[in-house]
Amino acid sequence: MSTDNLTPDLAYLAMYEFLVDLYQRTKSDELGSLLGSMSYLGDGETADPAVWKDWMRCVTKVLSGKGDAQLKLR
């Protein structure tokens, strides 16, 4: 499987599917709420428009080399 062409849209869908799988196992209300906000509407926009803006901010951060997956709670 090649991920050379993983666009922000496809990465978003992969992350969404990951969270759906996690929700299926945990039935977490917090995850359910997040998934509701992240869901696409008929017009192709997310239910909460801020979600997509936040996603693209994170994509930009990672693509500029400033992202990492080390847990840092403040």
Protein backbone atom coordinates (compact mmCIF):
# COMPACT_ATOMS: atom_id res chain seq x y z
CA MET A 1 0.00 0.00 0.00
CA SER A 2 1.38 3.38 -1.01
CA THR A 3 0.64 6.55 0.93
CA ASP A 4 2.57 8.82 -1.44
CA ASN A 5 -0.63 10.59 -2.48
CA LEU A 6 -2.20 11.00 0.95
CA THR A 7 -3.96 14.34 0.65
CA PRO A 8 -5.33 16.31 3.62
CA ASP A 9 -8.82 15.09 2.62
CA LEU A 10 -7.77 11.43 2.60
CA ALA A 11 -5.80 11.83 5.82
CA TYR A 12 -8.91 13.36 7.42
CA LEU A 13 -11.02 10.38 6.32
CA ALA A 14 -8.38 7.97 7.68
CA MET A 15 -8.36 9.79 11.01
CA TYR A 16 -12.17 9.81 11.06
CA GLU A 17 -12.27 6.05 10.45
CA PHE A 18 -9.72 5.53 13.22
CA LEU A 19 -11.91 7.49 15.63
CA VAL A 20 -15.04 5.60 14.51
CA ASP A 21 -13.27 2.32 15.28
CA LEU A 22 -12.26 3.65 18.70
CA TYR A 23 -15.81 4.84 19.33
CA GLN A 24 -17.20 1.40 18.41
CA ARG A 25 -15.03 -0.15 21.11
CA THR A 26 -15.49 2.47 23.85
CA LYS A 27 -18.87 4.12 23.21
CA SER A 28 -17.26 7.30 24.57
CA ASP A 29 -19.68 10.25 24.63
CA GLU A 30 -16.77 12.62 24.00
CA LEU A 31 -15.72 10.72 20.88
CA GLY A 32 -19.32 10.54 19.69
CA SER A 33 -19.65 14.29 20.03
CA LEU A 34 -16.35 14.89 18.22
CA LEU A 35 -17.38 12.56 15.40
CA GLY A 36 -20.67 14.43 15.06
CA SER A 37 -18.79 17.71 14.66
CA MET A 38 -16.37 16.13 12.19
CA SER A 39 -19.02 14.48 10.02
CA TYR A 40 -19.49 15.70 6.47
CA LEU A 41 -22.81 17.24 5.54
CA GLY A 42 -24.48 16.94 2.15
CA ASP A 43 -22.62 20.01 0.89
CA GLY A 44 -19.24 18.44 1.67
CA GLU A 45 -18.54 20.71 4.63
CA THR A 46 -18.00 19.46 8.16
CA ALA A 47 -20.92 19.79 10.59
CA ASP A 48 -18.79 22.24 12.57
CA PRO A 49 -16.89 24.42 10.07
CA ALA A 50 -14.20 25.17 12.66
CA VAL A 51 -13.20 21.49 12.64
CA TRP A 52 -11.88 21.71 9.07
CA LYS A 53 -10.00 24.93 9.80
CA ASP A 54 -8.43 23.32 12.87
CA TRP A 55 -7.55 20.23 10.80
CA MET A 56 -5.84 22.28 8.10
CA ARG A 57 -3.91 24.26 10.75
CA CYS A 58 -2.59 20.94 12.06
CA VAL A 59 -1.78 19.67 8.55
CA THR A 60 0.21 22.84 7.90
CA LYS A 61 2.06 22.43 11.19
CA VAL A 62 3.03 18.85 10.40
CA LEU A 63 4.04 19.63 6.81
CA SER A 64 6.28 22.44 8.05
CA GLY A 65 8.11 19.97 10.31
CA LYS A 66 6.70 21.32 13.57
CA GLY A 67 4.46 18.39 14.51
CA ASP A 68 5.29 15.40 16.65
CA ALA A 69 3.45 12.64 18.47
CA GLN A 70 5.06 12.99 21.87
CA LEU A 71 2.50 13.61 24.62
CA LYS A 72 3.02 17.04 26.16
CA LEU A 73 0.24 18.06 28.52
CA ARG A 74 0.31 21.66 29.66
